[in-house]
Amino acid sequence: MDGASDPEQDLAGGVRRLPVITLQRVAAPADLFFEAFAATAHEVERRSHAHRVIQVRRRAFWLRYATIEIVRVEPRCLRSRWLTGPLPFVEESLQCVQVSPGESEIHYRAAFEPGDGIWHLLRAPFVPLFLRRDLRRRVIAATRMAEGAFARTLAHASGHPSAIGSRRLSSHGASRRLHVVPSGGADRPGPAYPS
């Protein structure tokens, strides 16, 4: 069972685990998507090839805030845990499941602790909505970057006329490695997503 229909589960210590949801499909390989997803945040420190500390700008209604997170990048999974933020504990994970060659589905899972006190208990039902909304905004930006980079790679490999200019540049000493560059960051509003 994939957990998509499971209700929110309460774990020890007040930690609530949300069910797995499928965010969307990406027409790009998982490693390219994760590279683009990492570009939607500001890297503070790279501890190793797989571990990074990042700063993510988030928002909930009119409030804007930043979180510092430690991220572990695995071949088909990205896991993060908040080091600082408005909640005492948040863990999130994204998993890419390949559905066809060059296309993956993005699955999301999260666990959080709302905190102690009446204010924290009152806001607890809204936390999953804010976490998913923030993540969707970053996933949309990463999907655009990854799909664009993948399409350019395919055009370059196929000899498509749109890649001729890039071939001329690469034959004159420019690098052939494709770099994912954020188009404007995840803070810009994207298309509306059903919640």
Protein backbone atom coordinates (compact mmCIF):
# COMPACT_ATOMS: atom_id res chain seq x y z
CA MET A 1 0.00 0.00 0.00
CA ASP A 2 1.45 3.38 -0.98
CA GLY A 3 -0.14 5.32 1.89
CA ALA A 4 -1.96 7.75 -0.40
CA SER A 5 -5.27 7.14 1.34
CA ASP A 6 -3.91 6.90 4.90
CA PRO A 7 -5.04 9.67 7.23
CA GLU A 8 -2.52 11.85 9.02
CA GLN A 9 -0.75 9.65 11.56
CA ASP A 10 0.30 10.81 15.04
CA LEU A 11 3.65 9.39 16.10
CA ALA A 12 5.47 9.53 19.44
CA GLY A 13 6.28 12.98 20.78
CA GLY A 14 3.50 14.78 18.90
CA VAL A 15 5.09 14.23 15.46
CA ARG A 16 2.50 13.93 12.71
CA ARG A 17 3.28 12.02 9.51
CA LEU A 18 1.42 13.02 6.36
CA PRO A 19 0.39 10.51 3.70
CA VAL A 20 2.43 10.17 0.51
CA ILE A 21 1.09 12.30 -2.34
CA THR A 22 2.05 12.47 -6.00
CA LEU A 23 2.88 16.05 -6.91
CA GLN A 24 3.34 15.80 -10.67
CA ARG A 25 5.19 14.18 -13.55
CA VAL A 26 8.48 15.49 -14.84
CA ALA A 27 9.71 14.90 -18.39
CA ALA A 28 13.34 14.71 -17.28
CA PRO A 29 15.61 12.24 -15.48
CA ALA A 30 15.56 12.24 -11.67
CA ASP A 31 19.15 13.45 -11.24
CA LEU A 32 18.51 16.48 -13.44
CA PHE A 33 15.30 17.27 -11.54
CA PHE A 34 17.08 17.10 -8.16
CA GLU A 35 19.88 19.35 -9.45
CA ALA A 36 17.25 21.88 -10.55
CA PHE A 37 15.33 21.50 -7.27
CA ALA A 38 18.50 22.25 -5.30
CA ALA A 39 18.94 25.42 -7.42
CA THR A 40 15.61 26.78 -6.06
CA ALA A 41 17.26 27.28 -2.64
CA HIS A 42 20.38 29.09 -1.50
CA GLU A 43 23.19 26.69 -0.62
CA VAL A 44 24.80 27.75 2.67
CA GLU A 45 27.29 24.89 3.06
CA ARG A 46 28.21 21.71 1.21
CA ARG A 47 29.21 19.12 3.81
CA SER A 48 29.77 16.32 1.31
CA HIS A 49 28.62 15.30 -2.15
CA ALA A 50 25.33 14.06 -0.69
CA HIS A 51 24.82 16.48 2.25
CA ARG A 52 24.11 20.19 1.91
CA VAL A 53 22.85 22.93 4.19
CA ILE A 54 20.42 25.23 2.37
CA GLN A 55 18.30 28.28 3.09
CA VAL A 56 14.76 28.19 1.72
CA ARG A 57 12.50 31.21 1.52
CA ARG A 58 8.94 30.22 2.30
CA ARG A 59 5.59 31.87 2.79
CA ALA A 60 2.31 31.20 4.52
CA PHE A 61 -0.44 33.65 3.55
CA TRP A 62 1.16 37.09 3.93
CA LEU A 63 4.03 35.87 6.16
CA ARG A 64 7.43 35.29 4.60
CA TYR A 65 10.07 33.35 6.49
CA ALA A 66 13.27 31.42 5.88
CA THR A 67 14.27 27.97 7.02
CA ILE A 68 17.73 26.48 7.26
CA GLU A 69 17.65 22.82 6.26
CA ILE A 70 20.05 19.95 5.96
CA VAL A 71 19.47 18.04 2.74
CA ARG A 72 20.61 14.56 1.79
CA VAL A 73 20.57 13.77 -1.93
CA GLU A 74 20.26 10.09 -2.81
CA PRO A 75 20.02 8.66 -6.35
CA ARG A 76 16.21 8.79 -6.58
CA CYS A 77 15.33 10.55 -3.33
CA LEU A 78 15.94 13.88 -1.62
CA ARG A 79 15.41 14.17 2.15
CA SER A 80 15.48 17.35 4.20
CA ARG A 81 15.17 18.24 7.88
CA TRP A 82 14.68 21.75 9.22
CA LEU A 83 17.48 23.02 11.44
CA THR A 84 15.73 26.37 12.03
CA GLY A 85 12.21 27.53 11.27
CA PRO A 86 8.85 28.30 12.88
CA LEU A 87 8.15 24.63 13.72
CA PRO A 88 10.25 22.56 16.15
CA PHE A 89 10.51 19.56 13.77
CA VAL A 90 9.90 19.10 10.04
CA GLU A 91 11.19 16.32 7.77
CA GLU A 92 10.31 16.21 4.08
CA SER A 93 11.22 13.82 1.30
CA LEU A 94 10.83 13.81 -2.45
CA GLN A 95 11.11 10.59 -4.37
CA CYS A 96 11.33 10.24 -8.14
CA VAL A 97 9.66 7.13 -9.50
CA GLN A 98 10.44 6.46 -13.16
CA VAL A 99 7.23 5.81 -15.10
CA SER A 100 8.79 5.73 -18.57
CA PRO A 101 12.19 6.52 -20.11
CA GLY A 102 12.86 10.20 -19.46
CA GLU A 103 9.72 10.70 -17.35
CA SER A 104 9.35 10.48 -13.57
CA GLU A 105 6.63 11.01 -10.98
CA ILE A 106 7.44 13.11 -7.93
CA HIS A 107 6.16 11.66 -4.63
CA TYR A 108 6.15 13.77 -1.46
CA ARG A 109 6.05 12.78 2.18
CA ALA A 110 6.42 14.92 5.31
CA ALA A 111 6.40 14.69 9.08
CA PHE A 112 6.12 17.65 11.44
CA GLU A 113 5.64 18.60 15.07
CA PRO A 114 3.37 21.63 15.57
CA GLY A 115 4.79 22.51 19.01
CA ASP A 116 3.25 23.00 22.43
CA GLY A 117 0.57 25.47 23.44
CA ILE A 118 -2.83 26.47 22.18
CA TRP A 119 -1.52 28.59 19.27
CA HIS A 120 0.50 25.66 17.93
CA LEU A 121 -2.43 23.27 18.23
CA LEU A 122 -4.71 25.72 16.41
CA ARG A 123 -2.32 26.09 13.48
CA ALA A 124 -1.51 22.36 13.23
CA PRO A 125 -4.34 21.52 10.76
CA PHE A 126 -3.00 24.18 8.34
CA VAL A 127 0.66 23.13 8.43
CA PRO A 128 0.29 20.36 5.80
CA LEU A 129 -1.38 22.82 3.41
CA PHE A 130 1.45 25.36 3.78
CA LEU A 131 4.19 22.74 3.46
CA ARG A 132 2.66 21.30 0.27
CA ARG A 133 1.94 24.70 -1.25
CA ASP A 134 5.52 25.86 -0.66
CA LEU A 135 6.93 22.64 -2.04
CA ARG A 136 4.71 22.73 -5.12
CA ARG A 137 5.99 26.19 -5.94
CA ARG A 138 9.59 24.94 -5.80
CA VAL A 139 8.72 21.76 -7.73
CA ILE A 140 7.10 23.83 -10.52
CA ALA A 141 10.23 25.98 -10.84
CA ALA A 142 12.51 22.91 -10.76
CA THR A 143 10.36 21.08 -13.31
CA ARG A 144 10.59 23.99 -15.74
CA MET A 145 14.36 24.16 -15.37
CA ALA A 146 14.89 20.38 -15.62
CA GLU A 147 12.56 19.88 -18.58
CA GLY A 148 14.13 22.84 -20.42
CA ALA A 149 17.66 21.55 -19.80
CA PHE A 150 16.65 18.01 -20.83
CA ALA A 151 14.99 19.27 -24.03
CA ARG A 152 18.12 21.28 -24.92
CA THR A 153 20.27 18.21 -24.28
CA LEU A 154 18.06 16.09 -26.56
CA ALA A 155 18.06 18.78 -29.27
CA HIS A 156 21.84 19.07 -29.08
CA ALA A 157 22.30 15.28 -29.29
CA SER A 158 19.89 14.93 -32.23
CA GLY A 159 21.46 17.69 -34.31
CA HIS A 160 18.26 19.72 -34.31
CA PRO A 161 18.68 23.18 -35.93
CA SER A 162 17.88 24.86 -32.61
CA ALA A 163 21.12 23.41 -31.22
CA ILE A 164 23.38 24.71 -34.02
CA GLY A 165 24.25 27.91 -32.16
CA SER A 166 25.25 25.97 -29.05
CA ARG A 167 27.38 23.62 -31.19
CA ARG A 168 29.22 26.58 -32.68
CA LEU A 169 29.91 27.91 -29.18
CA SER A 170 31.14 24.56 -27.95
CA SER A 171 33.44 24.11 -30.94
CA HIS A 172 35.12 27.42 -30.05
CA GLY A 173 36.14 26.35 -26.57
CA ALA A 174 32.98 26.92 -24.53
CA SER A 175 31.97 24.17 -22.16
CA ARG A 176 29.55 21.50 -23.36
CA ARG A 177 28.32 20.76 -19.84
CA LEU A 178 24.77 21.93 -19.32
CA HIS A 179 24.24 23.94 -16.16
CA VAL A 180 20.81 24.45 -14.62
CA VAL A 181 20.30 28.14 -13.89
CA PRO A 182 17.28 29.30 -11.86
CA SER A 183 14.98 31.41 -13.99
CA GLY A 184 13.82 33.63 -11.17
CA GLY A 185 13.59 31.59 -8.04
CA ALA A 186 10.79 29.77 -6.34
CA ASP A 187 9.42 32.96 -4.77
CA ARG A 188 7.73 34.01 -7.98
CA PRO A 189 4.13 32.89 -8.24
CA GLY A 190 3.52 30.08 -10.67
CA PRO A 191 0.36 28.62 -12.14
CA ALA A 192 -2.39 27.78 -9.72
CA TYR A 193 -2.31 24.26 -8.34
CA PRO A 194 -5.31 22.43 -6.97
CA SER A 195 -4.79 21.69 -3.30
